[in-house]
Amino acid sequence: GARLADVSPQSSQWKDLSDQRWRMYSTLKPIGAMWKEALILAFALSRKDIQDCVDKYKDLIILIEDQLQLKSILLEKSNKPTPLLNGSEIRQRALRGHIDGRGFRRVMEAMEEWQIRNIICHDFQGVDDDDERNRTETQLIDYLVTAFPEYASDTMSR
């Protein structure tokens, strides 16, 4: 199958893979770095044909690690991407309205989902391409303003 990073973001295939990446990440994130072992146990407990289980396991590993490119993020200690923007950056550059604690948590969860769906799992530290970082941050800010208009201000400056 196609790898998410190799598919055009404008295609329906990218949308399908992005949705699948988010669903798989959301399912495996609570399990943490032991996700492969959890899959083996699930298949062992299924009481299905062992060869069928082995084949399904191999297919899932290819899907998760190669096609959806989740291997590195699922093996990290934090088990989630480094936020592209911190709290003060969100308040200064994107959402200037009052955000209570529950609202801020929703914003952070939405940012995590956006990063997973868009394969932005690094924090750009040590990356020399400032244009790429700025372009990515601008896309994220646009997404947050659109997703949370109740927290956005008309007088935003970037």
N, C-alpha and C. Protein backbone atom coordinates (compact mmCIF):
# COMPACT_ATOMS: atom_id res chain seq x y z
N GLY A 1 0.82 -1.20 0.00
CA GLY A 1 0.00 0.00 0.00
C GLY A 1 0.84 1.24 0.00
N ALA A 2 0.19 2.33 -0.26
CA ALA A 2 0.86 3.63 -0.31
C ALA A 2 1.20 4.13 1.09
N ARG A 3 2.32 4.83 1.19
CA ARG A 3 2.70 5.48 2.44
C ARG A 3 2.05 6.86 2.48
N LEU A 4 1.58 7.25 3.64
CA LEU A 4 0.90 8.53 3.80
C LEU A 4 1.76 9.69 3.32
N ALA A 5 3.05 9.66 3.63
CA ALA A 5 3.94 10.76 3.26
C ALA A 5 4.13 10.87 1.75
N ASP A 6 3.84 9.79 1.02
CA ASP A 6 4.05 9.79 -0.43
C ASP A 6 2.78 10.13 -1.22
N VAL A 7 1.69 10.38 -0.53
CA VAL A 7 0.40 10.65 -1.18
C VAL A 7 0.12 12.16 -1.11
N SER A 8 -0.45 12.70 -2.16
CA SER A 8 -0.78 14.13 -2.20
C SER A 8 -1.85 14.46 -1.15
N PRO A 9 -1.61 15.51 -0.34
CA PRO A 9 -2.60 15.90 0.67
C PRO A 9 -3.96 16.30 0.08
N GLN A 10 -4.01 16.57 -1.20
CA GLN A 10 -5.28 16.95 -1.83
C GLN A 10 -6.10 15.74 -2.27
N SER A 11 -5.55 14.54 -2.17
CA SER A 11 -6.24 13.35 -2.68
C SER A 11 -7.14 12.72 -1.61
N SER A 12 -8.14 11.97 -2.08
CA SER A 12 -9.02 11.27 -1.15
C SER A 12 -8.25 10.14 -0.45
N GLN A 13 -7.25 9.58 -1.11
CA GLN A 13 -6.44 8.54 -0.49
C GLN A 13 -5.69 9.09 0.72
N TRP A 14 -5.20 10.34 0.62
CA TRP A 14 -4.52 10.96 1.76
C TRP A 14 -5.49 11.12 2.92
N LYS A 15 -6.70 11.58 2.65
CA LYS A 15 -7.71 11.75 3.70
C LYS A 15 -7.99 10.42 4.38
N ASP A 16 -8.16 9.36 3.59
CA ASP A 16 -8.42 8.03 4.16
C ASP A 16 -7.26 7.56 5.03
N LEU A 17 -6.04 7.72 4.52
CA LEU A 17 -4.86 7.30 5.29
C LEU A 17 -4.68 8.16 6.54
N SER A 18 -4.95 9.45 6.43
CA SER A 18 -4.84 10.36 7.56
C SER A 18 -5.85 9.98 8.65
N ASP A 19 -7.08 9.67 8.23
CA ASP A 19 -8.10 9.21 9.19
C ASP A 19 -7.66 7.91 9.85
N GLN A 20 -7.15 7.00 9.05
CA GLN A 20 -6.70 5.70 9.57
C GLN A 20 -5.52 5.90 10.53
N ARG A 21 -4.60 6.81 10.17
CA ARG A 21 -3.44 7.10 11.03
C ARG A 21 -3.92 7.61 12.38
N TRP A 22 -4.89 8.54 12.38
CA TRP A 22 -5.39 9.09 13.63
C TRP A 22 -6.09 8.01 14.47
N ARG A 23 -6.93 7.20 13.83
CA ARG A 23 -7.63 6.14 14.57
C ARG A 23 -6.63 5.14 15.16
N MET A 24 -5.64 4.75 14.40
CA MET A 24 -4.66 3.78 14.88
C MET A 24 -3.83 4.38 16.02
N TYR A 25 -3.40 5.62 15.85
CA TYR A 25 -2.63 6.30 16.89
C TYR A 25 -3.46 6.40 18.18
N SER A 26 -4.72 6.82 18.05
CA SER A 26 -5.59 6.97 19.22
C SER A 26 -5.81 5.65 19.94
N THR A 27 -5.87 4.57 19.18
CA THR A 27 -6.06 3.25 19.77
C THR A 27 -4.80 2.75 20.47
N LEU A 28 -3.65 2.96 19.84
CA LEU A 28 -2.40 2.41 20.37
C LEU A 28 -1.71 3.31 21.40
N LYS A 29 -1.98 4.59 21.38
CA LYS A 29 -1.32 5.53 22.29
C LYS A 29 -1.45 5.12 23.76
N PRO A 30 -2.65 4.74 24.24
CA PRO A 30 -2.73 4.35 25.66
C PRO A 30 -1.92 3.10 26.01
N ILE A 31 -1.65 2.26 25.03
CA ILE A 31 -0.89 1.03 25.26
C ILE A 31 0.59 1.36 25.41
N GLY A 32 1.04 2.38 24.69
CA GLY A 32 2.43 2.80 24.78
C GLY A 32 3.36 1.93 23.95
N ALA A 33 4.60 1.88 24.37
CA ALA A 33 5.65 1.20 23.60
C ALA A 33 5.44 -0.31 23.51
N MET A 34 4.53 -0.86 24.29
CA MET A 34 4.27 -2.30 24.28
C MET A 34 3.15 -2.67 23.30
N TRP A 35 2.88 -1.82 22.32
CA TRP A 35 1.75 -2.06 21.42
C TRP A 35 1.90 -3.34 20.60
N LYS A 36 3.12 -3.69 20.21
CA LYS A 36 3.31 -4.92 19.43
C LYS A 36 2.98 -6.14 20.29
N GLU A 37 3.42 -6.11 21.53
CA GLU A 37 3.12 -7.21 22.43
C GLU A 37 1.62 -7.32 22.68
N ALA A 38 0.95 -6.18 22.79
CA ALA A 38 -0.51 -6.18 22.98
C ALA A 38 -1.22 -6.80 21.78
N LEU A 39 -0.72 -6.51 20.57
CA LEU A 39 -1.30 -7.13 19.38
C LEU A 39 -1.13 -8.64 19.39
N ILE A 40 0.05 -9.11 19.78
CA ILE A 40 0.30 -10.55 19.85
C ILE A 40 -0.66 -11.20 20.85
N LEU A 41 -0.82 -10.58 22.01
CA LEU A 41 -1.73 -11.13 23.01
C LEU A 41 -3.17 -11.15 22.50
N ALA A 42 -3.57 -10.08 21.85
CA ALA A 42 -4.94 -10.03 21.31
C ALA A 42 -5.17 -11.16 20.30
N PHE A 43 -4.20 -11.37 19.43
CA PHE A 43 -4.35 -12.46 18.46
C PHE A 43 -4.33 -13.82 19.16
N ALA A 44 -3.47 -13.98 20.17
CA ALA A 44 -3.40 -15.26 20.88
C ALA A 44 -4.72 -15.57 21.59
N LEU A 45 -5.34 -14.55 22.12
CA LEU A 45 -6.61 -14.74 22.83
C LEU A 45 -7.80 -14.91 21.88
N SER A 46 -7.60 -14.62 20.62
CA SER A 46 -8.71 -14.69 19.66
C SER A 46 -9.13 -16.12 19.33
N ARG A 47 -8.25 -17.08 19.62
CA ARG A 47 -8.51 -18.51 19.37
C ARG A 47 -8.76 -18.81 17.90
N LYS A 48 -8.16 -18.02 17.04
CA LYS A 48 -8.26 -18.27 15.60
C LYS A 48 -7.04 -19.06 15.15
N ASP A 49 -7.07 -19.47 13.91
CA ASP A 49 -5.96 -20.22 13.32
C ASP A 49 -4.66 -19.43 13.49
N ILE A 50 -3.62 -20.09 13.98
CA ILE A 50 -2.35 -19.43 14.29
C ILE A 50 -1.73 -18.79 13.05
N GLN A 51 -1.78 -19.47 11.92
CA GLN A 51 -1.18 -18.89 10.70
C GLN A 51 -1.95 -17.65 10.27
N ASP A 52 -3.27 -17.67 10.40
CA ASP A 52 -4.08 -16.50 10.07
C ASP A 52 -3.71 -15.33 10.98
N CYS A 53 -3.52 -15.62 12.27
CA CYS A 53 -3.11 -14.59 13.23
C CYS A 53 -1.74 -14.01 12.88
N VAL A 54 -0.80 -14.87 12.54
CA VAL A 54 0.54 -14.41 12.16
C VAL A 54 0.47 -13.51 10.93
N ASP A 55 -0.31 -13.91 9.95
CA ASP A 55 -0.45 -13.11 8.73
C ASP A 55 -1.09 -11.75 9.03
N LYS A 56 -2.13 -11.75 9.84
CA LYS A 56 -2.79 -10.48 10.20
C LYS A 56 -1.85 -9.59 11.01
N TYR A 57 -1.07 -10.19 11.89
CA TYR A 57 -0.10 -9.43 12.68
C TYR A 57 0.91 -8.75 11.76
N LYS A 58 1.46 -9.52 10.82
CA LYS A 58 2.44 -8.96 9.88
C LYS A 58 1.82 -7.82 9.07
N ASP A 59 0.58 -8.01 8.61
CA ASP A 59 -0.10 -6.96 7.84
C ASP A 59 -0.30 -5.69 8.67
N LEU A 60 -0.67 -5.86 9.94
CA LEU A 60 -0.86 -4.70 10.82
C LEU A 60 0.45 -3.97 11.08
N ILE A 61 1.52 -4.71 11.27
CA ILE A 61 2.83 -4.08 11.50
C ILE A 61 3.24 -3.26 10.28
N ILE A 62 3.04 -3.80 9.08
CA ILE A 62 3.36 -3.06 7.86
C ILE A 62 2.50 -1.80 7.77
N LEU A 63 1.21 -1.95 8.06
CA LEU A 63 0.31 -0.80 8.03
C LEU A 63 0.75 0.27 9.02
N ILE A 64 0.96 -0.11 10.26
CA ILE A 64 1.28 0.84 11.33
C ILE A 64 2.65 1.48 11.14
N GLU A 65 3.66 0.66 10.89
CA GLU A 65 5.03 1.18 10.84
C GLU A 65 5.39 1.81 9.50
N ASP A 66 4.96 1.21 8.40
CA ASP A 66 5.39 1.69 7.09
C ASP A 66 4.37 2.63 6.46
N GLN A 67 3.17 2.14 6.24
CA GLN A 67 2.19 2.95 5.52
C GLN A 67 1.74 4.17 6.33
N LEU A 68 1.44 3.98 7.60
CA LEU A 68 0.97 5.09 8.44
C LEU A 68 2.11 5.80 9.16
N GLN A 69 3.29 5.25 9.11
CA GLN A 69 4.50 5.85 9.67
C GLN A 69 4.35 6.24 11.15
N LEU A 70 3.86 5.30 11.93
CA LEU A 70 3.65 5.56 13.35
C LEU A 70 4.71 4.94 14.26
N LYS A 71 5.64 4.20 13.71
CA LYS A 71 6.60 3.46 14.53
C LYS A 71 7.36 4.38 15.49
N SER A 72 7.96 5.43 14.99
CA SER A 72 8.80 6.26 15.85
C SER A 72 7.99 6.95 16.95
N ILE A 73 6.81 7.42 16.62
CA ILE A 73 6.02 8.14 17.63
C ILE A 73 5.50 7.19 18.69
N LEU A 74 5.16 5.95 18.32
CA LEU A 74 4.65 5.00 19.30
C LEU A 74 5.74 4.43 20.19
N LEU A 75 7.00 4.53 19.76
CA LEU A 75 8.10 4.00 20.56
C LEU A 75 8.74 5.05 21.47
N GLU A 76 8.39 6.33 21.27
CA GLU A 76 8.96 7.39 22.11
C GLU A 76 8.41 7.29 23.52
N LYS A 77 9.18 7.78 24.49
CA LYS A 77 8.74 7.75 25.88
C LYS A 77 7.45 8.54 26.09
N SER A 78 7.38 9.71 25.47
CA SER A 78 6.19 10.55 25.66
C SER A 78 4.99 9.97 24.92
N ASN A 79 5.24 9.15 23.91
CA ASN A 79 4.19 8.47 23.15
C ASN A 79 3.24 9.45 22.47
N LYS A 80 3.70 10.66 22.22
CA LYS A 80 2.91 11.62 21.46
C LYS A 80 3.86 12.66 20.86
N PRO A 81 3.41 13.35 19.83
CA PRO A 81 4.32 14.32 19.20
C PRO A 81 4.61 15.51 20.12
N THR A 82 5.79 16.08 19.95
CA THR A 82 6.10 17.31 20.66
C THR A 82 5.20 18.41 20.09
N PRO A 83 4.48 19.13 20.96
CA PRO A 83 3.60 20.19 20.44
C PRO A 83 4.39 21.20 19.62
N LEU A 84 3.85 21.53 18.47
CA LEU A 84 4.51 22.48 17.57
C LEU A 84 4.50 23.89 18.16
N LEU A 85 3.43 24.21 18.88
CA LEU A 85 3.32 25.50 19.57
C LEU A 85 3.08 25.24 21.05
N ASN A 86 3.74 26.04 21.91
CA ASN A 86 3.47 25.90 23.33
C ASN A 86 2.29 26.81 23.71
N GLY A 87 1.89 26.76 24.96
CA GLY A 87 0.72 27.51 25.40
C GLY A 87 0.80 29.00 25.14
N SER A 88 1.94 29.61 25.45
CA SER A 88 2.05 31.06 25.24
C SER A 88 2.05 31.41 23.74
N GLU A 89 2.64 30.53 22.91
CA GLU A 89 2.62 30.78 21.47
C GLU A 89 1.19 30.68 20.92
N ILE A 90 0.43 29.75 21.44
CA ILE A 90 -0.97 29.61 21.01
C ILE A 90 -1.73 30.88 21.36
N ARG A 91 -1.52 31.37 22.57
CA ARG A 91 -2.24 32.58 23.02
C ARG A 91 -1.75 33.84 22.30
N GLN A 92 -0.48 33.91 21.97
CA GLN A 92 0.06 35.11 21.32
C GLN A 92 -0.22 35.13 19.82
N ARG A 93 -0.19 33.95 19.18
CA ARG A 93 -0.21 33.92 17.72
C ARG A 93 -1.52 33.42 17.11
N ALA A 94 -2.34 32.74 17.90
CA ALA A 94 -3.51 32.12 17.29
C ALA A 94 -4.80 32.46 18.00
N LEU A 95 -4.90 32.10 19.25
CA LEU A 95 -6.16 32.20 19.98
C LEU A 95 -6.01 33.19 21.12
N ARG A 96 -6.39 34.41 20.88
CA ARG A 96 -6.17 35.48 21.85
C ARG A 96 -7.33 35.67 22.81
N GLY A 97 -8.44 35.01 22.54
CA GLY A 97 -9.58 35.12 23.45
C GLY A 97 -9.32 34.35 24.73
N HIS A 98 -10.22 34.52 25.72
CA HIS A 98 -10.08 33.81 26.99
C HIS A 98 -10.35 32.32 26.78
N ILE A 99 -9.41 31.50 27.24
CA ILE A 99 -9.55 30.04 27.15
C ILE A 99 -9.44 29.48 28.56
N ASP A 100 -10.50 28.84 29.03
CA ASP A 100 -10.42 28.20 30.35
C ASP A 100 -9.64 26.90 30.23
N GLY A 101 -9.40 26.25 31.36
CA GLY A 101 -8.59 25.04 31.36
C GLY A 101 -9.14 23.94 30.48
N ARG A 102 -10.45 23.72 30.53
CA ARG A 102 -11.07 22.67 29.71
C ARG A 102 -10.93 23.01 28.21
N GLY A 103 -11.14 24.28 27.89
CA GLY A 103 -11.00 24.71 26.49
C GLY A 103 -9.57 24.57 26.00
N PHE A 104 -8.62 24.91 26.86
CA PHE A 104 -7.22 24.80 26.48
C PHE A 104 -6.84 23.34 26.24
N ARG A 105 -7.38 22.46 27.05
CA ARG A 105 -7.12 21.03 26.84
C ARG A 105 -7.66 20.59 25.48
N ARG A 106 -8.86 21.05 25.12
CA ARG A 106 -9.43 20.72 23.80
C ARG A 106 -8.54 21.24 22.68
N VAL A 107 -8.00 22.44 22.85
CA VAL A 107 -7.09 23.02 21.85
C VAL A 107 -5.84 22.16 21.72
N MET A 108 -5.25 21.75 22.83
CA MET A 108 -4.04 20.93 22.80
C MET A 108 -4.31 19.57 22.16
N GLU A 109 -5.46 18.98 22.47
CA GLU A 109 -5.83 17.70 21.86
C GLU A 109 -6.03 17.85 20.36
N ALA A 110 -6.65 18.96 19.94
CA ALA A 110 -6.86 19.21 18.51
C ALA A 110 -5.52 19.41 17.80
N MET A 111 -4.59 20.09 18.47
CA MET A 111 -3.27 20.30 17.87
C MET A 111 -2.54 18.97 17.72
N GLU A 112 -2.64 18.11 18.73
CA GLU A 112 -2.02 16.79 18.64
C GLU A 112 -2.61 16.01 17.47
N GLU A 113 -3.94 16.03 17.34
CA GLU A 113 -4.58 15.32 16.23
C GLU A 113 -4.12 15.88 14.88
N TRP A 114 -4.05 17.21 14.76
CA TRP A 114 -3.61 17.83 13.50
C TRP A 114 -2.20 17.39 13.16
N GLN A 115 -1.32 17.38 14.17
CA GLN A 115 0.06 16.98 13.92
C GLN A 115 0.15 15.51 13.50
N ILE A 116 -0.61 14.63 14.14
CA ILE A 116 -0.60 13.22 13.78
C ILE A 116 -1.13 13.05 12.36
N ARG A 117 -2.24 13.67 12.05
CA ARG A 117 -2.84 13.54 10.73
C ARG A 117 -1.92 14.08 9.63
N ASN A 118 -1.13 15.09 9.96
CA ASN A 118 -0.26 15.74 8.97
C ASN A 118 1.19 15.31 9.09
N ILE A 119 1.46 14.26 9.84
CA ILE A 119 2.79 13.70 10.02
C ILE A 119 3.80 14.75 10.49
N ILE A 120 3.37 15.62 11.40
CA ILE A 120 4.27 16.62 11.99
C ILE A 120 4.52 16.16 13.42
N CYS A 121 5.53 15.35 13.61
CA CYS A 121 5.79 14.76 14.92
C CYS A 121 7.10 15.23 15.53
N HIS A 122 7.76 16.16 14.87
CA HIS A 122 9.02 16.67 15.42
C HIS A 122 8.81 18.12 15.79
N ASP A 123 9.73 18.67 16.55
CA ASP A 123 9.58 20.04 17.03
C ASP A 123 10.45 21.04 16.25
N PHE A 124 11.06 20.60 15.18
CA PHE A 124 11.89 21.44 14.31
C PHE A 124 13.17 21.93 14.98
N GLN A 125 13.49 21.48 16.20
CA GLN A 125 14.76 21.87 16.80
C GLN A 125 15.87 21.20 16.03
N GLY A 126 16.85 21.97 15.65
CA GLY A 126 17.95 21.44 14.87
C GLY A 126 17.65 21.37 13.38
N VAL A 127 16.47 21.79 12.98
CA VAL A 127 16.11 21.81 11.56
C VAL A 127 16.46 23.19 11.01
N ASP A 128 17.22 23.21 9.92
CA ASP A 128 17.69 24.48 9.36
C ASP A 128 16.65 25.19 8.50
N ASP A 129 15.61 24.51 8.10
CA ASP A 129 14.63 25.07 7.18
C ASP A 129 13.57 25.89 7.93
N ASP A 130 13.88 27.19 8.20
CA ASP A 130 12.94 28.07 8.88
C ASP A 130 11.68 28.27 8.08
N ASP A 131 11.80 28.26 6.74
CA ASP A 131 10.62 28.42 5.90
C ASP A 131 9.63 27.28 6.12
N GLU A 132 10.15 26.05 6.20
CA GLU A 132 9.27 24.90 6.43
C GLU A 132 8.59 25.02 7.79
N ARG A 133 9.36 25.38 8.79
CA ARG A 133 8.78 25.54 10.13
C ARG A 133 7.71 26.62 10.13
N ASN A 134 8.01 27.77 9.54
CA ASN A 134 7.04 28.87 9.51
C ASN A 134 5.78 28.49 8.73
N ARG A 135 5.96 27.80 7.61
CA ARG A 135 4.82 27.36 6.79
C ARG A 135 3.95 26.38 7.58
N THR A 136 4.58 25.46 8.28
CA THR A 136 3.84 24.46 9.06
C THR A 136 3.12 25.13 10.23
N GLU A 137 3.81 26.04 10.93
CA GLU A 137 3.17 26.75 12.04
C GLU A 137 1.99 27.58 11.55
N THR A 138 2.13 28.22 10.41
CA THR A 138 1.04 29.02 9.84
C THR A 138 -0.16 28.13 9.52
N GLN A 139 0.08 26.95 8.95
CA GLN A 139 -1.01 26.02 8.66
C GLN A 139 -1.71 25.59 9.95
N LEU A 140 -0.92 25.32 10.99
CA LEU A 140 -1.49 24.93 12.27
C LEU A 140 -2.30 26.07 12.88
N ILE A 141 -1.77 27.26 12.85
CA ILE A 141 -2.49 28.43 13.39
C ILE A 141 -3.81 28.63 12.64
N ASP A 142 -3.77 28.53 11.32
CA ASP A 142 -5.00 28.65 10.53
C ASP A 142 -6.02 27.60 10.93
N TYR A 143 -5.53 26.37 11.14
CA TYR A 143 -6.42 25.29 11.57
C TYR A 143 -7.04 25.61 12.93
N LEU A 144 -6.22 26.04 13.90
CA LEU A 144 -6.72 26.34 15.24
C LEU A 144 -7.74 27.47 15.23
N VAL A 145 -7.48 28.50 14.46
CA VAL A 145 -8.41 29.63 14.36
C VAL A 145 -9.74 29.17 13.77
N THR A 146 -9.67 28.30 12.77
CA THR A 146 -10.88 27.78 12.14
C THR A 146 -11.63 26.84 13.08
N ALA A 147 -10.89 25.98 13.77
CA ALA A 147 -11.49 24.98 14.65
C ALA A 147 -12.04 25.59 15.94
N PHE A 148 -11.47 26.71 16.37
CA PHE A 148 -11.87 27.33 17.63
C PHE A 148 -12.16 28.82 17.46
N PRO A 149 -13.15 29.15 16.66
CA PRO A 149 -13.45 30.58 16.43
C PRO A 149 -13.86 31.30 17.71
N GLU A 150 -14.38 30.56 18.68
CA GLU A 150 -14.80 31.19 19.94
C GLU A 150 -13.62 31.73 20.74
N TYR A 151 -12.41 31.29 20.44
CA TYR A 151 -11.21 31.76 21.13
C TYR A 151 -10.35 32.68 20.27
N ALA A 152 -10.70 32.80 19.01
CA ALA A 152 -9.89 33.62 18.10
C ALA A 152 -10.29 35.09 18.22
N SER A 153 -9.39 35.95 17.83
CA SER A 153 -9.63 37.39 17.84
C SER A 153 -9.51 37.91 16.42
N ASP A 154 -10.30 38.94 16.09
CA ASP A 154 -10.26 39.54 14.75
C ASP A 154 -8.97 40.31 14.51
N THR A 155 -8.29 40.69 15.57
CA THR A 155 -7.09 41.52 15.42
C THR A 155 -5.82 40.71 15.61
N MET A 156 -5.81 39.51 15.02
CA MET A 156 -4.62 38.67 15.15
C MET A 156 -3.48 39.21 14.31
N SER A 157 -2.29 39.07 14.84
CA SER A 157 -1.10 39.36 14.03
C SER A 157 -0.18 38.18 14.16
N ARG A 158 0.46 37.84 13.07
CA ARG A 158 1.35 36.65 13.06
C ARG A 158 2.75 37.08 12.87
